[in-house]
Amino acid sequence: MARISVLDEAVELEDPTLVEGFPGVGLVGKIATDHVIEVHEMTHYANVHCDGLPPVAVYGEDDPAVTTPVRLYADSDLDLVALRSDVPVHPNAATEVAGCLDSWFDETGTFPVFLSGLGREKDEEPPELYGIATGEGGEALSRATVSDPPEAGLVSGPTGAMLAEALERGRDAVGLVVESDPQFPDPEAARRLIVDGIDPIAGTETPTDGLTDQATEIQDAKQKLAERMQQATEESSQAEPLKMFQ
């Protein structure tokens, strides 16, 4: 049965903003949402039981208690909710999950901010951030540092299904689309989501030093991987034109 089971009734929300963190390209939505939860020390507010979610149980470090793979965290003072997902959602189940969550948006008057990565090979330029909206969501986008999409595109997966649900119902919502690494986790892109998108829309201030450190570490690891791959190529058996040795 589809439901959101509230664990902490002491959490009071008025007209909350929700940040959605389903895994996607570069894991940008998940990285950004997990960081917001940890930095603001948000409370584990509710478990998500939606048809279509994998029937698995998860547990944390130094904690024997199991919980659902998709959960909601909240901060009453910030009037903020964050959706943390430890599992991907199968494309065939995206519509069911979107409908389940949309019902909860209705009940609570939640304004959703959906997050998505747009695959782009990394270079020296910072990732671009684009904004899209349904209903009157454009007003919220005006508070963020985002550009209009430079070309036509689509958002798929559970994030796309929730945007489609919002469009069908005329719900106010925004989508933040950031250019991100198509092969590796991209904390730099997640940082852009937070600083120029989530914070101005939600009215929050989220330190991002930890994400900067992660980006440096990942870049160093990628460089070492490239060097190892190059060395392996140079040392491996291969055929060469005979004239090279004459």
C-alpha atoms as a PDB file:
ATOM      1  CA  MET A   1       0.000   0.000   0.000  1.00  0.00           C
ATOM      2  CA  ALA A   2       1.377   3.404  -0.994  1.00  0.00           C
ATOM      3  CA  ARG A   3       1.872   5.694   1.971  1.00  0.00           C
ATOM      4  CA  ILE A   4       4.220   8.097   3.730  1.00  0.00           C
ATOM      5  CA  SER A   5       4.652   6.959   7.330  1.00  0.00           C
ATOM      6  CA  VAL A   6       5.582   9.874   9.588  1.00  0.00           C
ATOM      7  CA  LEU A   7       8.036   8.937  12.345  1.00  0.00           C
ATOM      8  CA  ASP A   8       8.381  12.252  14.183  1.00  0.00           C
ATOM      9  CA  GLU A   9       5.082  14.000  14.867  1.00  0.00           C
ATOM     10  CA  ALA A  10       6.925  16.828  16.619  1.00  0.00           C
ATOM     11  CA  VAL A  11       8.161  18.129  13.261  1.00  0.00           C
ATOM     12  CA  GLU A  12       5.894  20.967  12.143  1.00  0.00           C
ATOM     13  CA  LEU A  13       5.829  22.051   8.507  1.00  0.00           C
ATOM     14  CA  GLU A  14       3.812  24.943   7.091  1.00  0.00           C
ATOM     15  CA  ASP A  15       4.437  25.364   3.358  1.00  0.00           C
ATOM     16  CA  PRO A  16       7.613  23.332   2.991  1.00  0.00           C
ATOM     17  CA  THR A  17      10.051  23.237   0.109  1.00  0.00           C
ATOM     18  CA  LEU A  18      11.132  19.734  -0.845  1.00  0.00           C
ATOM     19  CA  VAL A  19      14.493  18.899  -2.397  1.00  0.00           C
ATOM     20  CA  GLU A  20      14.429  15.623  -4.334  1.00  0.00           C
ATOM     21  CA  GLY A  21      17.470  13.367  -4.429  1.00  0.00           C
ATOM     22  CA  PHE A  22      16.882  10.299  -6.571  1.00  0.00           C
ATOM     23  CA  PRO A  23      20.129   8.975  -8.102  1.00  0.00           C
ATOM     24  CA  GLY A  24      20.820  10.105 -11.668  1.00  0.00           C
ATOM     25  CA  VAL A  25      23.584  11.339 -13.973  1.00  0.00           C
ATOM     26  CA  GLY A  26      26.662  12.222 -11.908  1.00  0.00           C
ATOM     27  CA  LEU A  27      24.610  11.409  -8.794  1.00  0.00           C
ATOM     28  CA  VAL A  28      24.196  15.178  -8.528  1.00  0.00           C
ATOM     29  CA  GLY A  29      20.725  15.128  -6.992  1.00  0.00           C
ATOM     30  CA  LYS A  30      21.666  12.540  -4.401  1.00  0.00           C
ATOM     31  CA  ILE A  31      24.993  14.196  -3.521  1.00  0.00           C
ATOM     32  CA  ALA A  32      23.339  17.607  -3.147  1.00  0.00           C
ATOM     33  CA  THR A  33      20.418  16.296  -1.097  1.00  0.00           C
ATOM     34  CA  ASP A  34      22.559  14.127   1.179  1.00  0.00           C
ATOM     35  CA  HIS A  35      24.836  17.115   1.800  1.00  0.00           C
ATOM     36  CA  VAL A  36      21.902  19.378   2.686  1.00  0.00           C
ATOM     37  CA  ILE A  37      20.592  16.753   5.116  1.00  0.00           C
ATOM     38  CA  GLU A  38      23.938  16.291   6.838  1.00  0.00           C
ATOM     39  CA  VAL A  39      24.969  19.956   7.039  1.00  0.00           C
ATOM     40  CA  HIS A  40      21.620  21.073   8.478  1.00  0.00           C
ATOM     41  CA  GLU A  41      21.382  17.958  10.683  1.00  0.00           C
ATOM     42  CA  MET A  42      17.863  17.324   9.440  1.00  0.00           C
ATOM     43  CA  THR A  43      15.563  14.929  11.288  1.00  0.00           C
ATOM     44  CA  HIS A  44      14.553  11.551   9.850  1.00  0.00           C
ATOM     45  CA  TYR A  45      10.931  12.572   9.442  1.00  0.00           C
ATOM     46  CA  ALA A  46       9.192   9.841   7.444  1.00  0.00           C
ATOM     47  CA  ASN A  47       9.612   6.596   5.541  1.00  0.00           C
ATOM     48  CA  VAL A  48       8.372   6.337   1.982  1.00  0.00           C
ATOM     49  CA  HIS A  49       6.337   3.253   1.055  1.00  0.00           C
ATOM     50  CA  CYS A  50       5.442   3.567  -2.630  1.00  0.00           C
ATOM     51  CA  ASP A  51       4.505   0.849  -5.083  1.00  0.00           C
ATOM     52  CA  GLY A  52       7.409   0.466  -7.486  1.00  0.00           C
ATOM     53  CA  LEU A  53      10.179   1.042  -4.964  1.00  0.00           C
ATOM     54  CA  PRO A  54      12.542  -1.940  -4.555  1.00  0.00           C
ATOM     55  CA  PRO A  55      11.419  -4.158  -1.645  1.00  0.00           C
ATOM     56  CA  VAL A  56      14.682  -3.902   0.252  1.00  0.00           C
ATOM     57  CA  ALA A  57      15.778  -2.844   3.723  1.00  0.00           C
ATOM     58  CA  VAL A  58      18.795  -0.641   4.392  1.00  0.00           C
ATOM     59  CA  TYR A  59      20.870  -0.028   7.500  1.00  0.00           C
ATOM     60  CA  GLY A  60      23.435   2.585   8.438  1.00  0.00           C
ATOM     61  CA  GLU A  61      26.924   2.606   9.872  1.00  0.00           C
ATOM     62  CA  ASP A  62      27.033   1.748  13.580  1.00  0.00           C
ATOM     63  CA  ASP A  63      23.235   1.367  13.579  1.00  0.00           C
ATOM     64  CA  PRO A  64      21.508  -2.040  13.660  1.00  0.00           C
ATOM     65  CA  ALA A  65      18.066  -0.632  12.851  1.00  0.00           C
ATOM     66  CA  VAL A  66      16.793  -1.180   9.307  1.00  0.00           C
ATOM     67  CA  THR A  67      14.692   1.311   7.397  1.00  0.00           C
ATOM     68  CA  THR A  68      13.238   1.973   3.967  1.00  0.00           C
ATOM     69  CA  PRO A  69      15.517   2.823   1.020  1.00  0.00           C
ATOM     70  CA  VAL A  70      13.658   6.099   0.373  1.00  0.00           C
ATOM     71  CA  ARG A  71      13.146   8.470   3.288  1.00  0.00           C
ATOM     72  CA  LEU A  72      12.155  12.046   4.063  1.00  0.00           C
ATOM     73  CA  TYR A  73      14.212  14.328   6.313  1.00  0.00           C
ATOM     74  CA  ALA A  74      12.911  17.618   7.655  1.00  0.00           C
ATOM     75  CA  ASP A  75      13.877  20.834   9.414  1.00  0.00           C
ATOM     76  CA  SER A  76      10.997  22.765  10.995  1.00  0.00           C
ATOM     77  CA  ASP A  77      12.937  26.009  11.325  1.00  0.00           C
ATOM     78  CA  LEU A  78      13.884  25.989   7.635  1.00  0.00           C
ATOM     79  CA  ASP A  79      10.473  24.594   6.582  1.00  0.00           C
ATOM     80  CA  LEU A  80      12.523  22.247   4.426  1.00  0.00           C
ATOM     81  CA  VAL A  81      12.116  18.591   3.477  1.00  0.00           C
ATOM     82  CA  ALA A  82      14.709  16.478   1.662  1.00  0.00           C
ATOM     83  CA  LEU A  83      14.060  13.180  -0.087  1.00  0.00           C
ATOM     84  CA  ARG A  84      16.979  10.782   0.327  1.00  0.00           C
ATOM     85  CA  SER A  85      17.083   7.680  -1.839  1.00  0.00           C
ATOM     86  CA  ASP A  86      19.599   4.870  -1.430  1.00  0.00           C
ATOM     87  CA  VAL A  87      18.351   3.013  -4.512  1.00  0.00           C
ATOM     88  CA  PRO A  88      17.597   3.853  -8.143  1.00  0.00           C
ATOM     89  CA  VAL A  89      14.018   3.561  -9.356  1.00  0.00           C
ATOM     90  CA  HIS A  90      13.332   1.335 -12.345  1.00  0.00           C
ATOM     91  CA  PRO A  91      11.942   3.330 -15.313  1.00  0.00           C
ATOM     92  CA  ASN A  92       8.864   1.089 -15.402  1.00  0.00           C
ATOM     93  CA  ALA A  93       8.059   2.058 -11.806  1.00  0.00           C
ATOM     94  CA  ALA A  94       8.686   5.803 -12.097  1.00  0.00           C
ATOM     95  CA  THR A  95       5.020   6.689 -12.717  1.00  0.00           C
ATOM     96  CA  GLU A  96       3.831   4.782  -9.627  1.00  0.00           C
ATOM     97  CA  VAL A  97       6.431   6.418  -7.418  1.00  0.00           C
ATOM     98  CA  ALA A  98       5.645   9.877  -8.808  1.00  0.00           C
ATOM     99  CA  GLY A  99       1.919   9.460  -8.161  1.00  0.00           C
ATOM    100  CA  CYS A 100       2.534   8.268  -4.604  1.00  0.00           C
ATOM    101  CA  LEU A 101       4.717  11.266  -3.743  1.00  0.00           C
ATOM    102  CA  ASP A 102       2.466  13.736  -5.547  1.00  0.00           C
ATOM    103  CA  SER A 103      -0.420  12.768  -3.250  1.00  0.00           C
ATOM    104  CA  TRP A 104       1.750  13.682  -0.272  1.00  0.00           C
ATOM    105  CA  PHE A 105       2.679  17.003  -1.909  1.00  0.00           C
ATOM    106  CA  ASP A 106      -1.049  17.738  -2.090  1.00  0.00           C
ATOM    107  CA  GLU A 107      -1.689  16.857   1.547  1.00  0.00           C
ATOM    108  CA  THR A 108       1.165  18.989   2.888  1.00  0.00           C
ATOM    109  CA  GLY A 109       1.202  21.917   0.432  1.00  0.00           C
ATOM    110  CA  THR A 110       4.785  21.082  -0.482  1.00  0.00           C
ATOM    111  CA  PHE A 111       6.672  22.992  -3.181  1.00  0.00           C
ATOM    112  CA  PRO A 112       9.000  20.501  -4.897  1.00  0.00           C
ATOM    113  CA  VAL A 113      12.430  21.243  -6.330  1.00  0.00           C
ATOM    114  CA  PHE A 114      13.448  18.424  -8.654  1.00  0.00           C
ATOM    115  CA  LEU A 115      17.127  17.821  -9.437  1.00  0.00           C
ATOM    116  CA  SER A 116      18.645  16.325 -12.565  1.00  0.00           C
ATOM    117  CA  GLY A 117      22.048  15.979 -14.226  1.00  0.00           C
ATOM    118  CA  LEU A 118      22.736  16.649 -17.904  1.00  0.00           C
ATOM    119  CA  GLY A 119      25.694  14.572 -19.069  1.00  0.00           C
ATOM    120  CA  ARG A 120      28.639  16.676 -20.271  1.00  0.00           C
ATOM    121  CA  GLU A 121      32.306  15.822 -20.557  1.00  0.00           C
ATOM    122  CA  LYS A 122      34.226  17.775 -17.937  1.00  0.00           C
ATOM    123  CA  ASP A 123      36.507  20.642 -18.922  1.00  0.00           C
ATOM    124  CA  GLU A 124      37.896  23.766 -17.272  1.00  0.00           C
ATOM    125  CA  GLU A 125      34.566  25.615 -17.436  1.00  0.00           C
ATOM    126  CA  PRO A 126      32.204  25.438 -14.428  1.00  0.00           C
ATOM    127  CA  PRO A 127      29.015  23.452 -15.022  1.00  0.00           C
ATOM    128  CA  GLU A 128      26.030  25.367 -16.356  1.00  0.00           C
ATOM    129  CA  LEU A 129      22.778  25.333 -14.383  1.00  0.00           C
ATOM    130  CA  TYR A 130      19.412  25.520 -16.143  1.00  0.00           C
ATOM    131  CA  GLY A 131      15.946  26.012 -14.722  1.00  0.00           C
ATOM    132  CA  ILE A 132      12.579  24.648 -15.850  1.00  0.00           C
ATOM    133  CA  ALA A 133       9.189  25.023 -14.194  1.00  0.00           C
ATOM    134  CA  THR A 134       5.545  23.988 -14.068  1.00  0.00           C
ATOM    135  CA  GLY A 135       2.601  26.085 -12.896  1.00  0.00           C
ATOM    136  CA  GLU A 136       3.833  29.280 -11.240  1.00  0.00           C
ATOM    137  CA  GLY A 137       7.216  27.765 -10.471  1.00  0.00           C
ATOM    138  CA  GLY A 138       8.906  30.376 -12.648  1.00  0.00           C
ATOM    139  CA  GLU A 139       8.604  32.865  -9.775  1.00  0.00           C
ATOM    140  CA  ALA A 140      10.835  30.668  -7.621  1.00  0.00           C
ATOM    141  CA  LEU A 141      13.303  30.284 -10.480  1.00  0.00           C
ATOM    142  CA  SER A 142      13.656  34.063 -10.613  1.00  0.00           C
ATOM    143  CA  ARG A 143      15.368  33.906  -7.204  1.00  0.00           C
ATOM    144  CA  ALA A 144      17.977  31.434  -8.461  1.00  0.00           C
ATOM    145  CA  THR A 145      21.059  31.943 -10.636  1.00  0.00           C
ATOM    146  CA  VAL A 146      19.942  29.780 -13.530  1.00  0.00           C
ATOM    147  CA  SER A 147      19.809  30.057 -17.309  1.00  0.00           C
ATOM    148  CA  ASP A 148      17.085  29.023 -19.706  1.00  0.00           C
ATOM    149  CA  PRO A 149      17.874  25.707 -21.409  1.00  0.00           C
ATOM    150  CA  PRO A 150      19.945  26.385 -24.558  1.00  0.00           C
ATOM    151  CA  GLU A 151      18.354  23.468 -26.421  1.00  0.00           C
ATOM    152  CA  ALA A 152      15.350  21.188 -26.248  1.00  0.00           C
ATOM    153  CA  GLY A 153      15.581  18.202 -23.914  1.00  0.00           C
ATOM    154  CA  LEU A 154      13.680  15.829 -21.673  1.00  0.00           C
ATOM    155  CA  VAL A 155      13.960  14.627 -18.091  1.00  0.00           C
ATOM    156  CA  SER A 156      13.442  10.905 -17.568  1.00  0.00           C
ATOM    157  CA  GLY A 157      13.316   8.504 -14.624  1.00  0.00           C
ATOM    158  CA  PRO A 158      11.440   9.265 -11.392  1.00  0.00           C
ATOM    159  CA  THR A 159      12.404  12.944 -11.585  1.00  0.00           C
ATOM    160  CA  GLY A 160      10.907  13.231 -15.059  1.00  0.00           C
ATOM    161  CA  ALA A 161       7.795  11.349 -13.945  1.00  0.00           C
ATOM    162  CA  MET A 162       7.291  13.751 -11.028  1.00  0.00           C
ATOM    163  CA  LEU A 163       7.706  16.751 -13.310  1.00  0.00           C
ATOM    164  CA  ALA A 164       5.164  15.205 -15.684  1.00  0.00           C
ATOM    165  CA  GLU A 165       2.771  14.653 -12.759  1.00  0.00           C
ATOM    166  CA  ALA A 166       3.218  18.264 -11.678  1.00  0.00           C
ATOM    167  CA  LEU A 167       2.526  19.440 -15.220  1.00  0.00           C
ATOM    168  CA  GLU A 168      -0.637  17.334 -15.477  1.00  0.00           C
ATOM    169  CA  ARG A 169      -1.970  18.596 -12.143  1.00  0.00           C
ATOM    170  CA  GLY A 170      -0.938  22.216 -12.701  1.00  0.00           C
ATOM    171  CA  ARG A 171       1.286  22.076  -9.638  1.00  0.00           C
ATOM    172  CA  ASP A 172       3.866  24.784  -8.956  1.00  0.00           C
ATOM    173  CA  ALA A 173       7.270  23.127  -9.170  1.00  0.00           C
ATOM    174  CA  VAL A 174      10.752  23.701 -10.511  1.00  0.00           C
ATOM    175  CA  GLY A 175      13.406  21.499 -12.024  1.00  0.00           C
ATOM    176  CA  LEU A 176      17.108  22.284 -11.766  1.00  0.00           C
ATOM    177  CA  VAL A 177      19.237  20.732 -14.500  1.00  0.00           C
ATOM    178  CA  VAL A 178      23.005  20.942 -14.071  1.00  0.00           C
ATOM    179  CA  GLU A 179      25.731  19.853 -16.465  1.00  0.00           C
ATOM    180  CA  SER A 180      27.501  16.929 -14.870  1.00  0.00           C
ATOM    181  CA  ASP A 181      30.044  14.206 -15.457  1.00  0.00           C
ATOM    182  CA  PRO A 182      28.322  11.290 -17.242  1.00  0.00           C
ATOM    183  CA  GLN A 183      30.741   8.683 -15.818  1.00  0.00           C
ATOM    184  CA  PHE A 184      31.711   9.706 -12.288  1.00  0.00           C
ATOM    185  CA  PRO A 185      30.027  11.229  -9.216  1.00  0.00           C
ATOM    186  CA  ASP A 186      30.153  14.995  -9.634  1.00  0.00           C
ATOM    187  CA  PRO A 187      30.249  16.945  -6.341  1.00  0.00           C
ATOM    188  CA  GLU A 188      31.221  20.129  -8.210  1.00  0.00           C
ATOM    189  CA  ALA A 189      27.929  20.033 -10.102  1.00  0.00           C
ATOM    190  CA  ALA A 190      26.076  19.192  -6.871  1.00  0.00           C
ATOM    191  CA  ARG A 191      27.649  22.253  -5.262  1.00  0.00           C
ATOM    192  CA  ARG A 192      26.363  24.413  -8.121  1.00  0.00           C
ATOM    193  CA  LEU A 193      22.881  23.003  -7.536  1.00  0.00           C
ATOM    194  CA  ILE A 194      23.003  24.004  -3.882  1.00  0.00           C
ATOM    195  CA  VAL A 195      24.651  27.424  -4.105  1.00  0.00           C
ATOM    196  CA  ASP A 196      22.845  28.815  -7.144  1.00  0.00           C
ATOM    197  CA  GLY A 197      19.625  26.806  -7.116  1.00  0.00           C
ATOM    198  CA  ILE A 198      18.466  25.203  -3.884  1.00  0.00           C
ATOM    199  CA  ASP A 199      19.619  27.854  -1.392  1.00  0.00           C
ATOM    200  CA  PRO A 200      18.092  30.879  -3.160  1.00  0.00           C
ATOM    201  CA  ILE A 201      14.833  29.038  -3.855  1.00  0.00           C
ATOM    202  CA  ALA A 202      14.459  27.550  -0.354  1.00  0.00           C
ATOM    203  CA  GLY A 203      15.880  30.581   1.468  1.00  0.00           C
ATOM    204  CA  THR A 204      18.611  28.498   3.091  1.00  0.00           C
ATOM    205  CA  GLU A 205      22.355  28.937   3.576  1.00  0.00           C
ATOM    206  CA  THR A 206      24.264  25.694   3.121  1.00  0.00           C
ATOM    207  CA  PRO A 207      28.069  25.530   3.610  1.00  0.00           C
ATOM    208  CA  THR A 208      29.618  23.549   0.749  1.00  0.00           C
ATOM    209  CA  ASP A 209      33.281  23.233   1.774  1.00  0.00           C
ATOM    210  CA  GLY A 210      32.924  19.474   2.062  1.00  0.00           C
ATOM    211  CA  LEU A 211      31.727  19.210  -1.531  1.00  0.00           C
ATOM    212  CA  THR A 212      34.704  21.250  -2.725  1.00  0.00           C
ATOM    213  CA  ASP A 213      37.025  18.798  -0.974  1.00  0.00           C
ATOM    214  CA  GLN A 214      35.191  15.844  -2.541  1.00  0.00           C
ATOM    215  CA  ALA A 215      35.502  17.376  -6.003  1.00  0.00           C
ATOM    216  CA  THR A 216      39.267  17.767  -5.578  1.00  0.00           C
ATOM    217  CA  GLU A 217      39.651  14.195  -4.333  1.00  0.00           C
ATOM    218  CA  ILE A 218      37.607  12.771  -7.205  1.00  0.00           C
ATOM    219  CA  GLN A 219      39.530  14.808  -9.756  1.00  0.00           C
ATOM    220  CA  ASP A 220      42.828  13.516  -8.329  1.00  0.00           C
ATOM    221  CA  ALA A 221      41.515   9.949  -8.399  1.00  0.00           C
ATOM    222  CA  LYS A 222      40.388  10.335 -12.014  1.00  0.00           C
ATOM    223  CA  GLN A 223      43.813  11.696 -12.981  1.00  0.00           C
ATOM    224  CA  LYS A 224      45.559   8.741 -11.345  1.00  0.00           C
ATOM    225  CA  LEU A 225      43.181   6.346 -13.085  1.00  0.00           C
ATOM    226  CA  ALA A 226      43.942   7.974 -16.447  1.00  0.00           C
ATOM    227  CA  GLU A 227      47.677   7.673 -15.779  1.00  0.00           C
ATOM    228  CA  ARG A 228      47.329   3.992 -14.853  1.00  0.00           C
ATOM    229  CA  MET A 229      45.279   3.328 -17.973  1.00  0.00           C
ATOM    230  CA  GLN A 230      47.882   5.088 -20.111  1.00  0.00           C
ATOM    231  CA  GLN A 231      50.684   3.088 -18.512  1.00  0.00           C
ATOM    232  CA  ALA A 232      48.764  -0.143 -19.045  1.00  0.00           C
ATOM    233  CA  THR A 233      48.300   0.750 -22.700  1.00  0.00           C
ATOM    234  CA  GLU A 234      51.992   1.499 -23.175  1.00  0.00           C
ATOM    235  CA  GLU A 235      53.055  -1.747 -21.502  1.00  0.00           C
ATOM    236  CA  SER A 236      50.508  -4.029 -23.142  1.00  0.00           C
ATOM    237  CA  SER A 237      51.143  -6.210 -26.167  1.00  0.00           C
ATOM    238  CA  GLN A 238      50.211  -4.506 -29.421  1.00  0.00           C
ATOM    239  CA  ALA A 239      50.878  -4.588 -33.136  1.00  0.00           C
ATOM    240  CA  GLU A 240      52.900  -1.766 -34.715  1.00  0.00           C
ATOM    241  CA  PRO A 241      53.879  -0.993 -38.299  1.00  0.00           C
ATOM    242  CA  LEU A 242      57.202  -2.676 -39.173  1.00  0.00           C
ATOM    243  CA  LYS A 243      58.715   0.575 -40.416  1.00  0.00           C
ATOM    244  CA  MET A 244      58.789   1.895 -36.857  1.00  0.00           C
ATOM    245  CA  PHE A 245      61.619  -0.529 -36.108  1.00  0.00           C
ATOM    246  CA  GLN A 246      63.671  -0.075 -39.308  1.00  0.00           C
END
